[in-house]
Amino acid sequence: MSLRALSTPLLPIASGIIVMPLIGTVDQGRARRVLEALLGGIVVHEARKVILDITGVPVVDAGVADALIKTAQAVKLLGATVILTGIQPKIAQTLVELGVDLSSLVTRGTLESGIAHVLDR
């Protein structure tokens, strides 16, 4: 497995459901790779729901927040839905202070609750 694939892992967990856990810093280049991998994965796996887990992302700034929103919009154009999970308290506070509108995204506090949501449990 290449280092590039490790930076944007895509895990099918059920029919039509994929998870992309992100760990570490997300810059513009990585955000672009996330978008490309996610869109390609939606097509390959015929995904209807995508969990984007940011538990392992230590910092979210305006650029990363914008990339998350644009990623969700592109995913929606392919007929799928993004569920954003793993928003840490510090990141939630930063997003609110930046005035980032995440109302177009479904959010869950943990990856576990995101998986339960997509499996309708």
N, C-alpha and C. Protein backbone atom coordinates (compact mmCIF):
# COMPACT_ATOMS: atom_id res chain seq x y z
N MET A 1 0.86 -1.17 0.00
CA MET A 1 0.00 0.00 0.00
C MET A 1 0.90 1.24 0.00
N SER A 2 0.58 2.20 -0.83
CA SER A 2 1.40 3.39 -0.93
C SER A 2 1.10 4.37 0.20
N LEU A 3 2.06 5.27 0.44
CA LEU A 3 1.88 6.30 1.46
C LEU A 3 0.69 7.18 1.12
N ARG A 4 0.49 7.45 -0.17
CA ARG A 4 -0.65 8.26 -0.61
C ARG A 4 -1.97 7.58 -0.24
N ALA A 5 -2.06 6.28 -0.44
CA ALA A 5 -3.29 5.55 -0.10
C ALA A 5 -3.51 5.56 1.41
N LEU A 6 -2.44 5.50 2.18
CA LEU A 6 -2.57 5.55 3.63
C LEU A 6 -3.06 6.90 4.12
N SER A 7 -2.77 7.97 3.38
CA SER A 7 -3.19 9.30 3.81
C SER A 7 -4.68 9.55 3.53
N THR A 8 -5.27 8.71 2.67
CA THR A 8 -6.69 8.83 2.35
C THR A 8 -7.33 7.44 2.33
N PRO A 9 -7.31 6.73 3.46
CA PRO A 9 -7.86 5.37 3.47
C PRO A 9 -9.38 5.37 3.28
N LEU A 10 -9.85 4.41 2.54
CA LEU A 10 -11.28 4.29 2.27
C LEU A 10 -11.70 2.87 2.61
N LEU A 11 -12.63 2.73 3.56
CA LEU A 11 -13.00 1.42 4.06
C LEU A 11 -14.48 1.15 3.83
N PRO A 12 -14.81 0.18 2.98
CA PRO A 12 -16.22 -0.21 2.86
C PRO A 12 -16.61 -1.00 4.11
N ILE A 13 -17.72 -0.62 4.76
CA ILE A 13 -18.12 -1.32 5.99
C ILE A 13 -19.44 -2.07 5.84
N ALA A 14 -20.19 -1.74 4.83
CA ALA A 14 -21.44 -2.43 4.52
C ALA A 14 -21.81 -2.05 3.10
N SER A 15 -22.78 -2.72 2.55
CA SER A 15 -23.21 -2.41 1.19
C SER A 15 -23.64 -0.95 1.10
N GLY A 16 -22.97 -0.19 0.25
CA GLY A 16 -23.33 1.20 0.03
C GLY A 16 -22.83 2.17 1.08
N ILE A 17 -21.96 1.70 1.99
CA ILE A 17 -21.45 2.56 3.06
C ILE A 17 -19.93 2.47 3.11
N ILE A 18 -19.27 3.63 3.07
CA ILE A 18 -17.81 3.67 3.18
C ILE A 18 -17.41 4.65 4.28
N VAL A 19 -16.23 4.40 4.85
CA VAL A 19 -15.69 5.25 5.90
C VAL A 19 -14.31 5.72 5.48
N MET A 20 -14.05 7.00 5.70
CA MET A 20 -12.71 7.54 5.50
C MET A 20 -12.26 8.17 6.82
N PRO A 21 -11.41 7.45 7.57
CA PRO A 21 -10.86 8.03 8.79
C PRO A 21 -9.65 8.89 8.44
N LEU A 22 -9.62 10.09 8.96
CA LEU A 22 -8.49 10.98 8.71
C LEU A 22 -7.69 11.15 9.99
N ILE A 23 -6.39 11.03 9.88
CA ILE A 23 -5.49 11.19 11.01
C ILE A 23 -4.38 12.13 10.59
N GLY A 24 -4.10 13.11 11.45
CA GLY A 24 -3.02 14.04 11.18
C GLY A 24 -3.51 15.32 10.53
N THR A 25 -2.56 16.10 10.10
CA THR A 25 -2.83 17.42 9.53
C THR A 25 -3.46 17.31 8.15
N VAL A 26 -4.44 18.16 7.91
CA VAL A 26 -5.06 18.24 6.58
C VAL A 26 -4.71 19.60 5.99
N ASP A 27 -3.91 19.59 4.93
CA ASP A 27 -3.59 20.82 4.22
C ASP A 27 -4.33 20.81 2.89
N GLN A 28 -4.08 21.82 2.06
CA GLN A 28 -4.81 21.90 0.78
C GLN A 28 -4.57 20.69 -0.11
N GLY A 29 -3.33 20.23 -0.17
CA GLY A 29 -3.01 19.08 -1.02
C GLY A 29 -3.71 17.82 -0.54
N ARG A 30 -3.68 17.60 0.76
CA ARG A 30 -4.34 16.40 1.30
C ARG A 30 -5.84 16.52 1.15
N ALA A 31 -6.40 17.70 1.34
CA ALA A 31 -7.84 17.90 1.16
C ALA A 31 -8.25 17.55 -0.26
N ARG A 32 -7.42 17.91 -1.23
CA ARG A 32 -7.70 17.59 -2.63
C ARG A 32 -7.66 16.07 -2.84
N ARG A 33 -6.66 15.39 -2.23
CA ARG A 33 -6.57 13.93 -2.35
C ARG A 33 -7.75 13.24 -1.67
N VAL A 34 -8.19 13.78 -0.54
CA VAL A 34 -9.36 13.23 0.15
C VAL A 34 -10.57 13.29 -0.78
N LEU A 35 -10.77 14.46 -1.39
CA LEU A 35 -11.90 14.63 -2.30
C LEU A 35 -11.83 13.65 -3.46
N GLU A 36 -10.68 13.53 -4.08
CA GLU A 36 -10.52 12.62 -5.22
C GLU A 36 -10.77 11.17 -4.81
N ALA A 37 -10.18 10.75 -3.69
CA ALA A 37 -10.34 9.37 -3.23
C ALA A 37 -11.79 9.08 -2.85
N LEU A 38 -12.42 10.04 -2.21
CA LEU A 38 -13.80 9.85 -1.79
C LEU A 38 -14.74 9.75 -2.98
N LEU A 39 -14.60 10.64 -3.94
CA LEU A 39 -15.47 10.60 -5.11
C LEU A 39 -15.26 9.32 -5.91
N GLY A 40 -14.00 8.93 -6.08
CA GLY A 40 -13.71 7.68 -6.78
C GLY A 40 -14.27 6.48 -6.03
N GLY A 41 -14.14 6.50 -4.70
CA GLY A 41 -14.64 5.41 -3.87
C GLY A 41 -16.14 5.29 -3.91
N ILE A 42 -16.83 6.41 -4.00
CA ILE A 42 -18.29 6.39 -4.09
C ILE A 42 -18.73 5.65 -5.34
N VAL A 43 -18.06 5.93 -6.44
CA VAL A 43 -18.39 5.28 -7.70
C VAL A 43 -18.06 3.78 -7.64
N VAL A 44 -16.84 3.46 -7.21
CA VAL A 44 -16.40 2.06 -7.17
C VAL A 44 -17.27 1.21 -6.25
N HIS A 45 -17.59 1.74 -5.07
CA HIS A 45 -18.34 0.98 -4.07
C HIS A 45 -19.85 1.22 -4.12
N GLU A 46 -20.28 2.04 -5.09
CA GLU A 46 -21.70 2.39 -5.23
C GLU A 46 -22.26 2.85 -3.88
N ALA A 47 -21.50 3.73 -3.23
CA ALA A 47 -21.86 4.19 -1.89
C ALA A 47 -22.99 5.20 -1.92
N ARG A 48 -23.84 5.08 -0.94
CA ARG A 48 -24.91 6.06 -0.73
C ARG A 48 -24.64 6.91 0.51
N LYS A 49 -23.82 6.34 1.41
CA LYS A 49 -23.47 7.06 2.64
C LYS A 49 -21.96 6.98 2.85
N VAL A 50 -21.40 8.12 3.25
CA VAL A 50 -19.96 8.24 3.46
C VAL A 50 -19.73 8.82 4.85
N ILE A 51 -18.99 8.09 5.66
CA ILE A 51 -18.62 8.63 6.97
C ILE A 51 -17.21 9.20 6.85
N LEU A 52 -17.09 10.47 7.14
CA LEU A 52 -15.79 11.14 7.14
C LEU A 52 -15.46 11.39 8.61
N ASP A 53 -14.51 10.61 9.13
CA ASP A 53 -14.18 10.67 10.55
C ASP A 53 -12.92 11.50 10.77
N ILE A 54 -13.06 12.60 11.53
CA ILE A 54 -11.93 13.49 11.77
C ILE A 54 -11.43 13.41 13.21
N THR A 55 -11.70 12.29 13.87
CA THR A 55 -11.24 12.11 15.25
C THR A 55 -9.74 12.37 15.37
N GLY A 56 -8.98 11.92 14.41
CA GLY A 56 -7.52 12.04 14.47
C GLY A 56 -6.95 13.31 13.87
N VAL A 57 -7.79 14.27 13.55
CA VAL A 57 -7.32 15.54 13.00
C VAL A 57 -7.19 16.53 14.16
N PRO A 58 -5.97 16.97 14.46
CA PRO A 58 -5.77 17.80 15.65
C PRO A 58 -6.25 19.25 15.51
N VAL A 59 -6.23 19.78 14.30
CA VAL A 59 -6.58 21.19 14.10
C VAL A 59 -7.41 21.34 12.84
N VAL A 60 -8.48 22.13 12.96
CA VAL A 60 -9.29 22.47 11.79
C VAL A 60 -9.32 23.99 11.71
N ASP A 61 -8.85 24.50 10.58
CA ASP A 61 -8.90 25.94 10.36
C ASP A 61 -9.95 26.24 9.28
N ALA A 62 -10.03 27.49 8.90
CA ALA A 62 -11.03 27.89 7.90
C ALA A 62 -10.85 27.13 6.59
N GLY A 63 -9.63 26.91 6.19
CA GLY A 63 -9.36 26.20 4.93
C GLY A 63 -9.83 24.76 4.97
N VAL A 64 -9.56 24.08 6.08
CA VAL A 64 -10.00 22.69 6.23
C VAL A 64 -11.52 22.62 6.31
N ALA A 65 -12.13 23.54 7.06
CA ALA A 65 -13.59 23.57 7.16
C ALA A 65 -14.22 23.77 5.78
N ASP A 66 -13.66 24.68 5.00
CA ASP A 66 -14.16 24.92 3.65
C ASP A 66 -14.02 23.67 2.79
N ALA A 67 -12.88 22.98 2.93
CA ALA A 67 -12.66 21.75 2.16
C ALA A 67 -13.68 20.67 2.55
N LEU A 68 -14.01 20.58 3.83
CA LEU A 68 -15.01 19.60 4.27
C LEU A 68 -16.38 19.89 3.67
N ILE A 69 -16.75 21.15 3.65
CA ILE A 69 -18.04 21.54 3.09
C ILE A 69 -18.08 21.28 1.59
N LYS A 70 -17.01 21.64 0.89
CA LYS A 70 -16.96 21.40 -0.56
C LYS A 70 -16.96 19.91 -0.88
N THR A 71 -16.28 19.14 -0.05
CA THR A 71 -16.29 17.68 -0.24
C THR A 71 -17.70 17.15 -0.09
N ALA A 72 -18.41 17.60 0.94
CA ALA A 72 -19.80 17.15 1.15
C ALA A 72 -20.68 17.54 -0.02
N GLN A 73 -20.47 18.72 -0.58
CA GLN A 73 -21.27 19.16 -1.72
C GLN A 73 -21.00 18.29 -2.94
N ALA A 74 -19.73 17.96 -3.19
CA ALA A 74 -19.39 17.11 -4.32
C ALA A 74 -19.95 15.70 -4.14
N VAL A 75 -19.88 15.19 -2.92
CA VAL A 75 -20.44 13.86 -2.62
C VAL A 75 -21.94 13.86 -2.90
N LYS A 76 -22.61 14.92 -2.50
CA LYS A 76 -24.06 15.03 -2.71
C LYS A 76 -24.40 15.00 -4.20
N LEU A 77 -23.54 15.62 -5.03
CA LEU A 77 -23.77 15.62 -6.48
C LEU A 77 -23.73 14.20 -7.06
N LEU A 78 -23.03 13.30 -6.37
CA LEU A 78 -22.98 11.90 -6.81
C LEU A 78 -24.08 11.06 -6.19
N GLY A 79 -24.96 11.70 -5.43
CA GLY A 79 -26.11 11.00 -4.86
C GLY A 79 -25.86 10.35 -3.51
N ALA A 80 -24.78 10.73 -2.86
CA ALA A 80 -24.47 10.16 -1.55
C ALA A 80 -24.54 11.25 -0.48
N THR A 81 -24.49 10.83 0.76
CA THR A 81 -24.57 11.73 1.90
C THR A 81 -23.32 11.58 2.76
N VAL A 82 -22.79 12.70 3.26
CA VAL A 82 -21.64 12.67 4.17
C VAL A 82 -22.14 12.77 5.60
N ILE A 83 -21.59 11.91 6.43
CA ILE A 83 -21.80 11.99 7.88
C ILE A 83 -20.43 12.31 8.45
N LEU A 84 -20.29 13.47 9.08
CA LEU A 84 -19.02 13.91 9.65
C LEU A 84 -18.99 13.49 11.11
N THR A 85 -17.96 12.72 11.48
CA THR A 85 -17.86 12.23 12.85
C THR A 85 -16.53 12.63 13.48
N GLY A 86 -16.50 12.55 14.81
CA GLY A 86 -15.25 12.75 15.53
C GLY A 86 -14.85 14.19 15.74
N ILE A 87 -15.81 15.08 15.80
CA ILE A 87 -15.48 16.49 16.04
C ILE A 87 -15.16 16.65 17.52
N GLN A 88 -13.91 16.95 17.82
CA GLN A 88 -13.46 17.15 19.19
C GLN A 88 -13.94 18.50 19.71
N PRO A 89 -14.08 18.66 21.04
CA PRO A 89 -14.57 19.93 21.60
C PRO A 89 -13.79 21.17 21.12
N LYS A 90 -12.48 21.06 21.06
CA LYS A 90 -11.66 22.19 20.61
C LYS A 90 -11.98 22.55 19.16
N ILE A 91 -12.17 21.54 18.34
CA ILE A 91 -12.50 21.77 16.92
C ILE A 91 -13.90 22.36 16.80
N ALA A 92 -14.84 21.86 17.59
CA ALA A 92 -16.20 22.41 17.57
C ALA A 92 -16.16 23.90 17.92
N GLN A 93 -15.39 24.25 18.94
CA GLN A 93 -15.28 25.64 19.35
C GLN A 93 -14.67 26.49 18.24
N THR A 94 -13.63 25.97 17.59
CA THR A 94 -12.99 26.69 16.48
C THR A 94 -13.97 26.90 15.34
N LEU A 95 -14.73 25.87 14.99
CA LEU A 95 -15.69 25.99 13.89
C LEU A 95 -16.75 27.05 14.19
N VAL A 96 -17.22 27.08 15.43
CA VAL A 96 -18.21 28.08 15.83
C VAL A 96 -17.60 29.48 15.77
N GLU A 97 -16.37 29.63 16.29
CA GLU A 97 -15.70 30.93 16.26
C GLU A 97 -15.46 31.43 14.84
N LEU A 98 -15.19 30.49 13.92
CA LEU A 98 -14.98 30.86 12.52
C LEU A 98 -16.29 31.13 11.79
N GLY A 99 -17.41 30.78 12.42
CA GLY A 99 -18.71 30.99 11.78
C GLY A 99 -18.99 30.00 10.68
N VAL A 100 -18.39 28.81 10.76
CA VAL A 100 -18.57 27.79 9.73
C VAL A 100 -19.96 27.19 9.86
N ASP A 101 -20.67 27.16 8.74
CA ASP A 101 -22.02 26.60 8.71
C ASP A 101 -21.97 25.15 8.26
N LEU A 102 -22.14 24.24 9.20
CA LEU A 102 -22.15 22.81 8.88
C LEU A 102 -23.56 22.25 8.82
N SER A 103 -24.54 23.14 8.67
CA SER A 103 -25.94 22.68 8.68
C SER A 103 -26.27 21.77 7.50
N SER A 104 -25.45 21.80 6.46
CA SER A 104 -25.70 20.92 5.32
C SER A 104 -25.15 19.51 5.55
N LEU A 105 -24.45 19.31 6.66
CA LEU A 105 -23.86 18.02 6.97
C LEU A 105 -24.56 17.36 8.14
N VAL A 106 -24.64 16.05 8.10
CA VAL A 106 -25.05 15.29 9.26
C VAL A 106 -23.80 15.11 10.10
N THR A 107 -23.86 15.42 11.39
CA THR A 107 -22.71 15.24 12.26
C THR A 107 -23.06 14.32 13.41
N ARG A 108 -22.07 13.55 13.83
CA ARG A 108 -22.20 12.69 15.00
C ARG A 108 -20.89 12.83 15.78
N GLY A 109 -20.98 12.69 17.09
CA GLY A 109 -19.82 12.91 17.94
C GLY A 109 -18.72 11.89 17.78
N THR A 110 -19.10 10.65 17.52
CA THR A 110 -18.10 9.57 17.43
C THR A 110 -18.30 8.76 16.16
N LEU A 111 -17.26 8.06 15.79
CA LEU A 111 -17.36 7.15 14.64
C LEU A 111 -18.42 6.09 14.92
N GLU A 112 -18.44 5.58 16.13
CA GLU A 112 -19.43 4.57 16.51
C GLU A 112 -20.86 5.08 16.30
N SER A 113 -21.14 6.31 16.74
CA SER A 113 -22.50 6.84 16.57
C SER A 113 -22.79 7.14 15.09
N GLY A 114 -21.77 7.46 14.33
CA GLY A 114 -21.95 7.66 12.89
C GLY A 114 -22.30 6.37 12.19
N ILE A 115 -21.62 5.29 12.58
CA ILE A 115 -21.91 3.98 12.00
C ILE A 115 -23.32 3.54 12.38
N ALA A 116 -23.68 3.74 13.65
CA ALA A 116 -25.05 3.40 14.08
C ALA A 116 -26.07 4.20 13.27
N HIS A 117 -25.79 5.46 13.01
CA HIS A 117 -26.70 6.30 12.24
C HIS A 117 -26.90 5.76 10.82
N VAL A 118 -25.81 5.43 10.14
CA VAL A 118 -25.94 4.96 8.76
C VAL A 118 -26.55 3.57 8.67
N LEU A 119 -26.41 2.79 9.74
CA LEU A 119 -27.02 1.46 9.77
C LEU A 119 -28.41 1.51 10.36
N ASP A 120 -28.88 2.73 10.67
CA ASP A 120 -30.22 2.97 11.22
C ASP A 120 -30.47 2.18 12.50
N ARG A 121 -29.51 2.25 13.40
CA ARG A 121 -29.66 1.57 14.70
C ARG A 121 -29.94 2.54 15.79
